[in-house]
Amino acid sequence: MSDTEPAGRETARPRRGRADKAAAIVRAGCEVFGRDGYSRATVDLIAAQAGASTRTLYNHFPGGKEELFRSVMQWSAGRVRDEQLARLRRYLDPERPPRPEDLERDLLALARSWVSLMADFRDHFSMVRHIYAEAGHVPAEALEAWQEAGPRAVMRGVTEAMTVLAGHGLIDAHGDPAQAGEHFIALVTTDIPPRSYWGLSPLPREETDRLTASGVRAFLRAYGAAR
């Protein structure tokens, strides 16, 4: 037995228990902020949802609701970011760009998979809906943390994918792959969030497929490479 082993055993459980409680509070915060928004959510509600006391919550998040919201958004946006980037690589792998005849198929598969994330991460997208509705009441630091943890990183990935497509002559990015990426995401997703209330009332599958297909076709009309 090493000299450090007993100390590790003595401290591992308390540290693990503390981390588990903090994680439970963050998960509860995601649910409550997604349901009630930032303005109406309270520390008492979140603590109760997590099965913790208000004092315990403040022990983990001394800055109260503002600090907790920032932590929740960073955690939740990071999970969604990782899944979005994984799906982006799955359908638009930079190492294996699609053949010209498969481009529309692969963009459509990506679009449908991307839109389905609203159901997979419903609490997150409910929080995003609330952020847009009450941005003036959300701390600027929390908005910045959310953008940096999620949307900006994702758009860098989308820009890279569009750069690769343009480099292989599959699209004409008109010298601005970042703009092409923003237009792609907008065209395949813009109609669906408001019509489904950000995933709270999912659209029928055939309607979602119709809207994503229409967005992909519009994107290819604007950015398709000349044959």
Protein backbone atom coordinates (compact mmCIF):
# COMPACT_ATOMS: atom_id res chain seq x y z
CA MET A 1 0.00 0.00 0.00
CA SER A 2 1.40 3.40 -0.92
CA ASP A 3 1.75 6.29 1.49
CA THR A 4 -0.87 8.30 -0.43
CA GLU A 5 -3.51 5.59 -0.68
CA PRO A 6 -5.14 6.04 2.77
CA ALA A 7 -5.43 9.81 2.28
CA GLY A 8 -6.97 9.27 -1.12
CA ARG A 9 -9.53 6.91 0.32
CA GLU A 10 -10.42 9.31 3.11
CA THR A 11 -10.95 12.27 0.78
CA ALA A 12 -12.42 10.56 -2.29
CA ARG A 13 -15.90 10.02 -0.88
CA PRO A 14 -16.49 13.55 0.47
CA ARG A 15 -15.20 15.11 -2.73
CA ARG A 16 -17.25 12.77 -4.86
CA GLY A 17 -20.33 13.46 -2.75
CA ARG A 18 -19.83 17.21 -3.09
CA ALA A 19 -19.41 16.93 -6.85
CA ASP A 20 -22.50 14.74 -7.11
CA LYS A 21 -24.58 17.29 -5.18
CA ALA A 22 -23.33 20.16 -7.35
CA ALA A 23 -24.19 18.14 -10.48
CA ALA A 24 -27.67 17.44 -9.11
CA ILE A 25 -28.21 21.15 -8.49
CA VAL A 26 -27.08 22.02 -12.03
CA ARG A 27 -29.41 19.41 -13.54
CA ALA A 28 -32.27 20.72 -11.41
CA GLY A 29 -31.41 24.25 -12.49
CA CYS A 30 -31.60 23.21 -16.13
CA GLU A 31 -35.09 21.84 -15.59
CA VAL A 32 -36.39 24.80 -13.59
CA PHE A 33 -34.83 27.50 -15.79
CA GLY A 34 -36.18 25.66 -18.85
CA ARG A 35 -39.65 25.56 -17.36
CA ASP A 36 -39.86 28.97 -15.67
CA GLY A 37 -37.20 31.12 -17.35
CA TYR A 38 -34.55 33.14 -15.58
CA SER A 39 -36.78 35.80 -14.03
CA ARG A 40 -39.33 33.48 -12.44
CA ALA A 41 -36.97 30.70 -11.32
CA THR A 42 -35.89 30.95 -7.70
CA VAL A 43 -33.09 29.45 -5.67
CA ASP A 44 -35.66 27.82 -3.38
CA LEU A 45 -37.37 26.09 -6.31
CA ILE A 46 -34.10 24.81 -7.72
CA ALA A 47 -32.86 23.57 -4.34
CA ALA A 48 -36.13 21.72 -3.79
CA GLN A 49 -35.95 20.18 -7.26
CA ALA A 50 -32.42 18.98 -6.49
CA GLY A 51 -33.41 17.57 -3.11
CA ALA A 52 -31.05 20.00 -1.38
CA SER A 53 -31.35 22.81 1.08
CA THR A 54 -31.00 26.43 0.04
CA ARG A 55 -27.89 26.63 2.23
CA THR A 56 -26.36 23.70 0.34
CA LEU A 57 -27.05 25.42 -2.96
CA TYR A 58 -25.32 28.59 -1.79
CA ASN A 59 -22.38 26.53 -0.51
CA HIS A 60 -21.85 25.32 -4.08
CA PHE A 61 -22.87 28.53 -5.84
CA PRO A 62 -22.13 31.50 -3.55
CA GLY A 63 -23.22 33.92 -6.27
CA GLY A 64 -26.74 32.55 -6.06
CA LYS A 65 -29.08 32.42 -9.04
CA GLU A 66 -26.81 34.36 -11.38
CA GLU A 67 -23.80 32.11 -10.81
CA LEU A 68 -25.95 29.00 -10.99
CA PHE A 69 -27.57 30.08 -14.24
CA ARG A 70 -24.17 30.72 -15.78
CA SER A 71 -23.00 27.26 -14.69
CA VAL A 72 -26.20 25.63 -15.98
CA MET A 73 -25.90 27.31 -19.38
CA GLN A 74 -22.23 26.36 -19.73
CA TRP A 75 -22.95 22.75 -18.81
CA SER A 76 -26.06 22.42 -20.95
CA ALA A 77 -24.63 24.28 -23.94
CA GLY A 78 -21.50 22.14 -23.76
CA ARG A 79 -23.54 18.93 -23.97
CA VAL A 80 -25.53 20.19 -26.94
CA ARG A 81 -22.37 21.54 -28.60
CA ASP A 82 -20.63 18.17 -28.35
CA GLU A 83 -23.61 16.39 -29.87
CA GLN A 84 -24.01 18.94 -32.65
CA LEU A 85 -20.34 18.70 -33.59
CA ALA A 86 -20.51 14.89 -33.49
CA ARG A 87 -23.45 14.90 -35.89
CA LEU A 88 -21.73 17.43 -38.10
CA ARG A 89 -18.72 15.13 -38.40
CA ARG A 90 -20.97 12.13 -38.98
CA TYR A 91 -22.65 13.63 -42.04
CA LEU A 92 -19.96 16.04 -43.27
CA ASP A 93 -16.70 14.37 -42.31
CA PRO A 94 -13.84 16.69 -43.38
CA GLU A 95 -11.72 13.64 -44.16
CA ARG A 96 -14.40 12.09 -46.36
CA PRO A 97 -16.40 14.78 -48.16
CA PRO A 98 -19.50 13.57 -49.97
CA ARG A 99 -19.59 12.84 -53.66
CA PRO A 100 -21.36 15.56 -55.66
CA GLU A 101 -24.34 13.30 -56.29
CA ASP A 102 -24.65 12.62 -52.54
CA LEU A 103 -24.34 16.19 -51.29
CA GLU A 104 -28.06 16.95 -51.08
CA ARG A 105 -28.72 13.61 -49.38
CA ASP A 106 -26.03 14.21 -46.75
CA LEU A 107 -27.08 17.81 -46.10
CA LEU A 108 -30.66 16.64 -45.64
CA ALA A 109 -29.58 13.89 -43.23
CA LEU A 110 -27.60 16.45 -41.25
CA ALA A 111 -30.51 18.89 -41.19
CA ARG A 112 -32.97 16.28 -39.93
CA SER A 113 -30.54 15.05 -37.29
CA TRP A 114 -29.81 18.62 -36.21
CA VAL A 115 -33.48 19.49 -35.80
CA SER A 116 -34.11 16.34 -33.76
CA LEU A 117 -31.80 17.69 -31.06
CA MET A 118 -34.65 19.89 -29.83
CA ALA A 119 -36.42 16.78 -28.59
CA ASP A 120 -33.24 15.18 -27.25
CA PHE A 121 -32.30 18.27 -25.21
CA ARG A 122 -35.71 19.76 -24.51
CA ASP A 123 -34.76 21.54 -21.27
CA HIS A 124 -31.81 23.22 -22.95
CA PHE A 125 -33.81 24.56 -25.85
CA SER A 126 -36.55 25.67 -23.48
CA MET A 127 -33.90 27.74 -21.70
CA VAL A 128 -32.80 29.18 -25.03
CA ARG A 129 -36.40 30.13 -25.79
CA HIS A 130 -36.62 31.94 -22.47
CA ILE A 131 -33.30 33.69 -23.06
CA TYR A 132 -34.56 35.20 -26.30
CA ALA A 133 -37.80 36.22 -24.61
CA GLU A 134 -36.20 37.89 -21.60
CA ALA A 135 -32.67 38.73 -22.70
CA GLY A 136 -32.87 42.12 -21.02
CA HIS A 137 -33.27 40.44 -17.64
CA VAL A 138 -30.53 37.82 -18.05
CA PRO A 139 -27.05 38.77 -16.76
CA ALA A 140 -24.71 39.70 -19.62
CA GLU A 141 -22.02 37.39 -18.22
CA ALA A 142 -24.40 34.44 -18.44
CA LEU A 143 -25.28 35.27 -22.06
CA GLU A 144 -21.59 35.48 -22.94
CA ALA A 145 -20.83 32.19 -21.18
CA TRP A 146 -23.62 30.48 -23.11
CA GLN A 147 -22.48 31.86 -26.46
CA GLU A 148 -18.87 30.88 -25.89
CA ALA A 149 -19.65 27.41 -24.56
CA GLY A 150 -22.08 26.52 -27.32
CA PRO A 151 -23.19 28.53 -30.37
CA ARG A 152 -19.83 30.08 -31.27
CA ALA A 153 -17.97 26.79 -31.03
CA VAL A 154 -20.63 25.08 -33.12
CA MET A 155 -20.53 27.75 -35.81
CA ARG A 156 -16.76 27.39 -36.01
CA GLY A 157 -17.36 23.72 -36.77
CA VAL A 158 -20.01 24.53 -39.36
CA THR A 159 -17.69 27.08 -40.97
CA GLU A 160 -14.97 24.44 -41.21
CA ALA A 161 -17.41 22.04 -42.88
CA MET A 162 -18.44 24.67 -45.42
CA THR A 163 -14.78 25.49 -46.09
CA VAL A 164 -14.12 21.83 -46.88
CA LEU A 165 -17.17 21.60 -49.17
CA ALA A 166 -16.07 24.73 -51.00
CA GLY A 167 -12.50 23.46 -51.25
CA HIS A 168 -13.73 20.32 -52.99
CA GLY A 169 -15.91 22.32 -55.37
CA LEU A 170 -19.13 20.97 -53.85
CA ILE A 171 -20.52 24.41 -53.01
CA ASP A 172 -19.71 27.98 -53.97
CA ALA A 173 -19.32 29.77 -50.62
CA HIS A 174 -18.88 33.11 -52.42
CA GLY A 175 -15.71 33.69 -50.43
CA ASP A 176 -17.47 33.55 -47.06
CA PRO A 177 -17.89 30.01 -45.66
CA ALA A 178 -18.93 31.40 -42.28
CA GLN A 179 -21.88 33.18 -43.90
CA ALA A 180 -22.72 30.07 -45.89
CA GLY A 181 -22.79 28.07 -42.67
CA GLU A 182 -25.03 30.57 -40.94
CA HIS A 183 -27.41 30.53 -43.89
CA PHE A 184 -27.51 26.72 -43.92
CA ILE A 185 -28.42 26.51 -40.24
CA ALA A 186 -30.98 29.30 -40.59
CA LEU A 187 -32.63 27.79 -43.65
CA VAL A 188 -33.05 24.31 -42.17
CA THR A 189 -34.07 25.36 -38.66
CA THR A 190 -35.71 28.80 -38.67
CA ASP A 191 -39.31 27.67 -39.22
CA ILE A 192 -39.29 24.72 -36.86
CA PRO A 193 -38.50 26.21 -33.39
CA PRO A 194 -41.33 28.77 -33.33
CA ARG A 195 -43.83 26.39 -34.90
CA SER A 196 -43.00 23.64 -32.40
CA TYR A 197 -42.61 26.07 -29.48
CA TRP A 198 -38.93 25.11 -29.28
CA GLY A 199 -39.68 21.40 -29.16
CA LEU A 200 -42.45 21.57 -26.54
CA SER A 201 -45.03 20.61 -29.15
CA PRO A 202 -43.14 18.65 -31.83
CA LEU A 203 -44.36 18.91 -35.40
CA PRO A 204 -45.45 15.79 -37.28
CA ARG A 205 -42.48 14.00 -38.83
CA GLU A 206 -43.67 14.62 -42.38
CA GLU A 207 -43.93 18.37 -41.70
CA THR A 208 -40.46 18.50 -40.20
CA ASP A 209 -39.08 16.58 -43.19
CA ARG A 210 -40.82 18.95 -45.60
CA LEU A 211 -39.40 22.04 -43.89
CA THR A 212 -35.84 20.71 -43.66
CA ALA A 213 -35.94 19.55 -47.29
CA SER A 214 -37.15 22.96 -48.38
CA GLY A 215 -34.31 24.59 -46.44
CA VAL A 216 -31.67 22.33 -47.98
CA ARG A 217 -32.97 23.00 -51.48
CA ALA A 218 -32.94 26.75 -50.84
CA PHE A 219 -29.38 26.50 -49.57
CA LEU A 220 -28.25 24.61 -52.66
CA ARG A 221 -29.94 27.12 -54.95
CA ALA A 222 -27.94 29.87 -53.26
CA TYR A 223 -24.66 28.01 -52.73
CA GLY A 224 -24.66 25.05 -55.10
CA ALA A 225 -21.55 24.83 -57.22
CA ALA A 226 -21.97 25.41 -60.94
CA ARG A 227 -21.93 22.13 -62.78
